[in-house]
C-alpha atoms as a PDB file:
ATOM      1  CA  UNK A   1       0.000   0.000   0.000  1.00  0.00           C
ATOM      2  CA  UNK A   2       1.094   3.535  -0.686  1.00  0.00           C
ATOM      3  CA  UNK A   3      -0.196   4.904   2.614  1.00  0.00           C
ATOM      4  CA  UNK A   4       1.879   2.562   4.800  1.00  0.00           C
ATOM      5  CA  UNK A   5       5.284   4.298   4.283  1.00  0.00           C
ATOM      6  CA  UNK A   6       3.601   7.657   4.780  1.00  0.00           C
ATOM      7  CA  UNK A   7       2.014   6.511   8.032  1.00  0.00           C
ATOM      8  CA  UNK A   8       5.414   5.216   9.169  1.00  0.00           C
ATOM      9  CA  UNK A   9       6.989   8.555   8.342  1.00  0.00           C
ATOM     10  CA  UNK A  10       4.329  10.442  10.257  1.00  0.00           C
ATOM     11  CA  UNK A  11       4.668   8.205  13.307  1.00  0.00           C
ATOM     12  CA  UNK A  12       8.477   8.604  13.221  1.00  0.00           C
ATOM     13  CA  UNK A  13       8.131  12.350  13.701  1.00  0.00           C
ATOM     14  CA  UNK A  14       8.546  13.110  17.362  1.00  0.00           C
ATOM     15  CA  UNK A  15       5.249  14.243  18.812  1.00  0.00           C
ATOM     16  CA  UNK A  16       7.266  15.868  21.581  1.00  0.00           C
ATOM     17  CA  UNK A  17       8.877  18.186  19.010  1.00  0.00           C
ATOM     18  CA  UNK A  18       5.460  19.058  17.584  1.00  0.00           C
ATOM     19  CA  UNK A  19       3.974  19.726  21.010  1.00  0.00           C
ATOM     20  CA  UNK A  20       6.996  21.854  21.975  1.00  0.00           C
ATOM     21  CA  UNK A  21       6.661  23.888  18.784  1.00  0.00           C
ATOM     22  CA  UNK A  22       2.926  24.296  19.371  1.00  0.00           C
ATOM     23  CA  UNK A  23       3.534  25.414  22.956  1.00  0.00           C
ATOM     24  CA  UNK A  24       6.208  27.892  21.897  1.00  0.00           C
ATOM     25  CA  UNK A  25       4.071  29.415  19.136  1.00  0.00           C
ATOM     26  CA  UNK A  26       0.961  29.504  21.320  1.00  0.00           C
ATOM     27  CA  UNK A  27       2.807  31.083  24.233  1.00  0.00           C
ATOM     28  CA  UNK A  28       4.523  33.797  22.229  1.00  0.00           C
ATOM     29  CA  UNK A  29       1.436  34.715  20.206  1.00  0.00           C
ATOM     30  CA  UNK A  30      -0.760  34.688  23.303  1.00  0.00           C
ATOM     31  CA  UNK A  31       1.620  36.949  25.214  1.00  0.00           C
ATOM     32  CA  UNK A  32       1.999  39.264  22.211  1.00  0.00           C
ATOM     33  CA  UNK A  33      -1.775  39.586  21.867  1.00  0.00           C
ATOM     34  CA  UNK A  34      -2.502  40.474  25.501  1.00  0.00           C
ATOM     35  CA  UNK A  35      -3.441  44.163  25.656  1.00  0.00           C
ATOM     36  CA  UNK A  36      -2.947  44.412  21.919  1.00  0.00           C
ATOM     37  CA  UNK A  37      -5.173  46.784  19.950  1.00  0.00           C
ATOM     38  CA  UNK A  38      -7.137  43.800  18.653  1.00  0.00           C
ATOM     39  CA  UNK A  39      -7.903  42.618  22.161  1.00  0.00           C
ATOM     40  CA  UNK A  40      -8.872  46.098  23.318  1.00  0.00           C
ATOM     41  CA  UNK A  41     -11.259  46.527  20.381  1.00  0.00           C
ATOM     42  CA  UNK A  42     -12.792  43.108  21.098  1.00  0.00           C
ATOM     43  CA  UNK A  43     -13.177  44.084  24.752  1.00  0.00           C
ATOM     44  CA  UNK A  44     -14.926  47.316  23.779  1.00  0.00           C
ATOM     45  CA  UNK A  45     -17.327  45.532  21.425  1.00  0.00           C
ATOM     46  CA  UNK A  46     -18.129  42.919  24.068  1.00  0.00           C
ATOM     47  CA  UNK A  47     -18.691  45.562  26.760  1.00  0.00           C
ATOM     48  CA  UNK A  48     -21.624  47.009  24.824  1.00  0.00           C
ATOM     49  CA  UNK A  49     -24.790  45.380  26.174  1.00  0.00           C
ATOM     50  CA  UNK A  50     -26.542  45.742  22.806  1.00  0.00           C
ATOM     51  CA  UNK A  51     -24.056  43.529  20.964  1.00  0.00           C
ATOM     52  CA  UNK A  52     -24.180  39.772  20.854  1.00  0.00           C
ATOM     53  CA  UNK A  53     -21.117  38.425  22.588  1.00  0.00           C
ATOM     54  CA  UNK A  54     -21.100  35.272  20.488  1.00  0.00           C
ATOM     55  CA  UNK A  55     -20.931  37.396  17.327  1.00  0.00           C
ATOM     56  CA  UNK A  56     -18.065  39.423  18.837  1.00  0.00           C
ATOM     57  CA  UNK A  57     -16.198  36.227  19.745  1.00  0.00           C
ATOM     58  CA  UNK A  58     -16.740  34.605  16.342  1.00  0.00           C
ATOM     59  CA  UNK A  59     -15.843  37.784  14.456  1.00  0.00           C
ATOM     60  CA  UNK A  60     -12.633  38.383  16.387  1.00  0.00           C
ATOM     61  CA  UNK A  61     -11.653  34.698  16.249  1.00  0.00           C
ATOM     62  CA  UNK A  62     -12.241  34.559  12.484  1.00  0.00           C
ATOM     63  CA  UNK A  63     -10.171  37.722  11.974  1.00  0.00           C
ATOM     64  CA  UNK A  64      -7.278  36.304  14.005  1.00  0.00           C
ATOM     65  CA  UNK A  65      -7.416  32.965  12.165  1.00  0.00           C
ATOM     66  CA  UNK A  66      -7.404  34.734   8.787  1.00  0.00           C
ATOM     67  CA  UNK A  67      -4.530  37.019   9.825  1.00  0.00           C
ATOM     68  CA  UNK A  68      -2.551  34.001  11.041  1.00  0.00           C
ATOM     69  CA  UNK A  69      -3.243  32.102   7.809  1.00  0.00           C
ATOM     70  CA  UNK A  70      -2.016  35.056   5.753  1.00  0.00           C
ATOM     71  CA  UNK A  71       1.129  35.305   7.888  1.00  0.00           C
ATOM     72  CA  UNK A  72       1.883  31.581   7.529  1.00  0.00           C
ATOM     73  CA  UNK A  73       1.363  31.813   3.767  1.00  0.00           C
ATOM     74  CA  UNK A  74       3.615  34.892   3.539  1.00  0.00           C
ATOM     75  CA  UNK A  75       6.282  33.113   5.563  1.00  0.00           C
ATOM     76  CA  UNK A  76       6.181  30.124   3.246  1.00  0.00           C
ATOM     77  CA  UNK A  77       6.484  32.418   0.230  1.00  0.00           C
ATOM     78  CA  UNK A  78       9.443  34.267   1.760  1.00  0.00           C
ATOM     79  CA  UNK A  79      11.188  31.062   2.869  1.00  0.00           C
ATOM     80  CA  UNK A  80      12.997  30.518  -0.473  1.00  0.00           C
ATOM     81  CA  UNK A  81      14.518  33.990  -0.094  1.00  0.00           C
ATOM     82  CA  UNK A  82      16.252  32.814   3.094  1.00  0.00           C
ATOM     83  CA  UNK A  83      18.071  29.920   1.428  1.00  0.00           C
ATOM     84  CA  UNK A  84      21.609  30.558   0.094  1.00  0.00           C
END
């Protein structure tokens, strides 16, 4: 089967490395976003009693996911420029 070598390759990758990378990225982005303009704007929207808090949460979460996706794409595009 074609999938068997691929599954072996995936299982050979250290999950500890992946979890460490995830923790590092999560921690740095989370700390960078605390008291950021985005968070303050979200706080102001959510503090208004007339607004739906679920809509504020979903809107801000979608914006952050899209911004992160664009940044990951831009990083992958710029990666060849880093190679000698």
